[in-house]
Amino acid sequence: MAFEILGEISQVETIATASGIREITRLRKLYGPGRWRKRKGIARVRLGDGSTLLAEIHWYEATGIGRRELKIKELL
């Protein structure tokens, strides 16, 4: 699903770190080594059809690499 984040992501929490992430091997192979964390937060998003909604967003993040693989987990 194509979407654009509008504004800041709030209520950011870490869900898992390093070995707690199931995809850690793939992330390191694809983006490089780093202190990987799986995170979640709430943000206002614009969907591909132009509608604007509040959504729970999940992503992977590492220091020096940044946010990767953002996805909408739930529309609020």
N, C-alpha and C. Protein backbone atom coordinates (compact mmCIF):
# COMPACT_ATOMS: atom_id res chain seq x y z
N MET A 1 0.85 -1.18 0.00
CA MET A 1 0.00 0.00 0.00
C MET A 1 0.89 1.24 0.00
N ALA A 2 0.73 2.08 -0.99
CA ALA A 2 1.50 3.32 -1.07
C ALA A 2 0.90 4.36 -0.13
N PHE A 3 1.76 5.02 0.65
CA PHE A 3 1.28 6.05 1.55
C PHE A 3 2.39 7.06 1.80
N GLU A 4 1.99 8.23 2.30
CA GLU A 4 2.92 9.31 2.63
C GLU A 4 2.63 9.74 4.07
N ILE A 5 3.68 9.89 4.86
CA ILE A 5 3.52 10.34 6.24
C ILE A 5 3.42 11.85 6.25
N LEU A 6 2.40 12.37 6.92
CA LEU A 6 2.19 13.81 7.03
C LEU A 6 2.55 14.23 8.45
N GLY A 7 3.56 15.02 8.63
CA GLY A 7 3.94 15.49 9.96
C GLY A 7 4.82 14.51 10.72
N GLU A 8 4.78 14.65 12.04
CA GLU A 8 5.62 13.85 12.93
C GLU A 8 4.96 12.52 13.29
N ILE A 9 5.79 11.55 13.64
CA ILE A 9 5.31 10.28 14.19
C ILE A 9 5.33 10.43 15.71
N SER A 10 4.19 10.18 16.36
CA SER A 10 4.11 10.33 17.82
C SER A 10 3.99 8.98 18.50
N GLN A 11 4.09 8.98 19.82
CA GLN A 11 3.98 7.78 20.64
C GLN A 11 4.90 6.66 20.15
N VAL A 12 6.14 7.00 19.84
CA VAL A 12 7.09 6.04 19.30
C VAL A 12 7.55 5.09 20.40
N GLU A 13 7.50 3.79 20.12
CA GLU A 13 7.94 2.75 21.05
C GLU A 13 8.84 1.76 20.32
N THR A 14 9.78 1.17 21.04
CA THR A 14 10.60 0.09 20.50
C THR A 14 9.89 -1.23 20.81
N ILE A 15 9.67 -2.04 19.78
CA ILE A 15 9.00 -3.33 19.94
C ILE A 15 10.03 -4.43 20.19
N ALA A 16 11.14 -4.41 19.43
CA ALA A 16 12.16 -5.45 19.55
C ALA A 16 13.52 -4.87 19.19
N THR A 17 14.58 -5.48 19.70
CA THR A 17 15.94 -5.07 19.38
C THR A 17 16.77 -6.28 18.99
N ALA A 18 17.77 -6.05 18.16
CA ALA A 18 18.79 -7.03 17.74
C ALA A 18 18.22 -8.44 17.54
N SER A 19 18.60 -9.38 18.39
CA SER A 19 18.21 -10.78 18.19
C SER A 19 16.71 -11.02 18.36
N GLY A 20 15.99 -10.07 18.93
CA GLY A 20 14.55 -10.18 19.07
C GLY A 20 13.80 -9.92 17.77
N ILE A 21 14.51 -9.43 16.75
CA ILE A 21 13.91 -9.15 15.45
C ILE A 21 14.06 -10.39 14.57
N ARG A 22 12.96 -10.93 14.09
CA ARG A 22 13.00 -12.14 13.25
C ARG A 22 13.77 -11.92 11.96
N GLU A 23 13.71 -10.73 11.42
CA GLU A 23 14.30 -10.40 10.12
C GLU A 23 15.73 -9.86 10.21
N ILE A 24 16.40 -9.99 11.34
CA ILE A 24 17.69 -9.33 11.56
C ILE A 24 18.74 -9.72 10.53
N THR A 25 18.81 -10.99 10.14
CA THR A 25 19.80 -11.44 9.16
C THR A 25 19.57 -10.75 7.82
N ARG A 26 18.31 -10.71 7.40
CA ARG A 26 17.97 -10.06 6.12
C ARG A 26 18.27 -8.57 6.16
N LEU A 27 17.94 -7.90 7.27
CA LEU A 27 18.21 -6.47 7.39
C LEU A 27 19.70 -6.17 7.31
N ARG A 28 20.51 -6.94 8.01
CA ARG A 28 21.96 -6.73 7.98
C ARG A 28 22.54 -6.99 6.60
N LYS A 29 22.02 -7.99 5.91
CA LYS A 29 22.50 -8.31 4.57
C LYS A 29 22.11 -7.22 3.56
N LEU A 30 20.89 -6.72 3.68
CA LEU A 30 20.36 -5.75 2.74
C LEU A 30 20.86 -4.32 3.00
N TYR A 31 20.87 -3.88 4.27
CA TYR A 31 21.19 -2.49 4.60
C TYR A 31 22.51 -2.30 5.33
N GLY A 32 23.09 -3.38 5.87
CA GLY A 32 24.36 -3.27 6.58
C GLY A 32 24.20 -3.47 8.08
N PRO A 33 25.33 -3.67 8.75
CA PRO A 33 25.28 -3.88 10.20
C PRO A 33 24.91 -2.58 10.91
N GLY A 34 24.32 -2.72 12.03
CA GLY A 34 23.91 -1.56 12.81
C GLY A 34 23.15 -2.02 14.03
N ARG A 35 22.79 -1.09 14.86
CA ARG A 35 22.00 -1.40 16.05
C ARG A 35 20.52 -1.35 15.65
N TRP A 36 20.02 -2.47 15.14
CA TRP A 36 18.68 -2.53 14.58
C TRP A 36 17.62 -2.61 15.67
N ARG A 37 16.52 -1.88 15.44
CA ARG A 37 15.36 -1.89 16.32
C ARG A 37 14.10 -1.94 15.47
N LYS A 38 13.09 -2.66 15.94
CA LYS A 38 11.78 -2.61 15.31
C LYS A 38 10.97 -1.64 16.16
N ARG A 39 10.34 -0.65 15.51
CA ARG A 39 9.65 0.41 16.24
C ARG A 39 8.23 0.59 15.71
N LYS A 40 7.41 1.26 16.52
CA LYS A 40 6.05 1.58 16.10
C LYS A 40 5.68 2.96 16.62
N GLY A 41 4.72 3.58 15.95
CA GLY A 41 4.24 4.90 16.34
C GLY A 41 2.94 5.23 15.63
N ILE A 42 2.39 6.37 15.99
CA ILE A 42 1.13 6.84 15.41
C ILE A 42 1.43 8.06 14.52
N ALA A 43 0.85 8.06 13.32
CA ALA A 43 1.07 9.18 12.40
C ALA A 43 -0.15 9.39 11.52
N ARG A 44 -0.29 10.61 11.03
CA ARG A 44 -1.31 10.92 10.03
C ARG A 44 -0.70 10.59 8.68
N VAL A 45 -1.42 9.80 7.87
CA VAL A 45 -0.90 9.37 6.57
C VAL A 45 -1.87 9.72 5.45
N ARG A 46 -1.33 9.92 4.26
CA ARG A 46 -2.14 10.11 3.06
C ARG A 46 -2.00 8.85 2.22
N LEU A 47 -3.11 8.20 1.96
CA LEU A 47 -3.11 6.97 1.17
C LEU A 47 -3.06 7.29 -0.32
N GLY A 48 -2.86 6.26 -1.12
CA GLY A 48 -2.78 6.42 -2.56
C GLY A 48 -4.02 7.02 -3.19
N ASP A 49 -5.18 6.81 -2.58
CA ASP A 49 -6.43 7.36 -3.13
C ASP A 49 -6.69 8.80 -2.68
N GLY A 50 -5.75 9.38 -1.90
CA GLY A 50 -5.87 10.76 -1.47
C GLY A 50 -6.49 10.98 -0.10
N SER A 51 -7.04 9.93 0.50
CA SER A 51 -7.65 10.09 1.82
C SER A 51 -6.58 10.22 2.91
N THR A 52 -6.90 10.98 3.95
CA THR A 52 -5.97 11.22 5.06
C THR A 52 -6.54 10.57 6.31
N LEU A 53 -5.73 9.70 6.94
CA LEU A 53 -6.18 8.95 8.11
C LEU A 53 -5.09 8.89 9.16
N LEU A 54 -5.47 8.56 10.38
CA LEU A 54 -4.53 8.30 11.45
C LEU A 54 -4.22 6.81 11.41
N ALA A 55 -2.94 6.43 11.54
CA ALA A 55 -2.56 5.03 11.42
C ALA A 55 -1.43 4.67 12.36
N GLU A 56 -1.38 3.39 12.74
CA GLU A 56 -0.24 2.86 13.48
C GLU A 56 0.76 2.38 12.44
N ILE A 57 1.99 2.89 12.54
CA ILE A 57 3.06 2.60 11.59
C ILE A 57 4.11 1.74 12.26
N HIS A 58 4.62 0.72 11.58
CA HIS A 58 5.75 -0.08 12.06
C HIS A 58 6.91 0.08 11.09
N TRP A 59 8.16 0.05 11.60
CA TRP A 59 9.33 0.16 10.75
C TRP A 59 10.55 -0.39 11.46
N TYR A 60 11.62 -0.59 10.69
CA TYR A 60 12.92 -0.97 11.23
C TYR A 60 13.81 0.26 11.19
N GLU A 61 14.71 0.38 12.16
CA GLU A 61 15.55 1.57 12.26
C GLU A 61 16.91 1.18 12.83
N ALA A 62 17.97 1.78 12.30
CA ALA A 62 19.31 1.57 12.84
C ALA A 62 20.06 2.89 12.82
N THR A 63 20.93 3.07 13.80
CA THR A 63 21.75 4.26 13.89
C THR A 63 22.64 4.36 12.66
N GLY A 64 22.66 5.52 12.02
CA GLY A 64 23.48 5.73 10.84
C GLY A 64 22.84 5.24 9.55
N ILE A 65 21.77 4.47 9.65
CA ILE A 65 21.08 3.94 8.47
C ILE A 65 19.72 4.59 8.31
N GLY A 66 19.02 4.79 9.42
CA GLY A 66 17.72 5.45 9.39
C GLY A 66 16.56 4.49 9.35
N ARG A 67 15.36 5.02 9.06
CA ARG A 67 14.14 4.22 8.99
C ARG A 67 14.09 3.46 7.68
N ARG A 68 13.68 2.21 7.78
CA ARG A 68 13.53 1.38 6.59
C ARG A 68 12.25 0.56 6.69
N GLU A 69 11.65 0.28 5.57
CA GLU A 69 10.50 -0.62 5.44
C GLU A 69 9.31 -0.21 6.31
N LEU A 70 8.87 1.03 6.15
CA LEU A 70 7.69 1.51 6.88
C LEU A 70 6.45 0.80 6.33
N LYS A 71 5.54 0.43 7.23
CA LYS A 71 4.28 -0.16 6.79
C LYS A 71 3.16 0.26 7.74
N ILE A 72 1.96 0.30 7.20
CA ILE A 72 0.79 0.59 8.01
C ILE A 72 0.33 -0.71 8.64
N LYS A 73 0.29 -0.74 9.94
CA LYS A 73 -0.15 -1.94 10.65
C LYS A 73 -1.65 -1.90 10.91
N GLU A 74 -2.17 -0.70 11.25
CA GLU A 74 -3.59 -0.58 11.57
C GLU A 74 -4.05 0.85 11.32
N LEU A 75 -5.23 0.99 10.74
CA LEU A 75 -5.85 2.31 10.57
C LEU A 75 -6.66 2.61 11.82
N LEU A 76 -6.51 3.81 12.35
CA LEU A 76 -7.20 4.18 13.60
C LEU A 76 -8.35 5.12 13.34
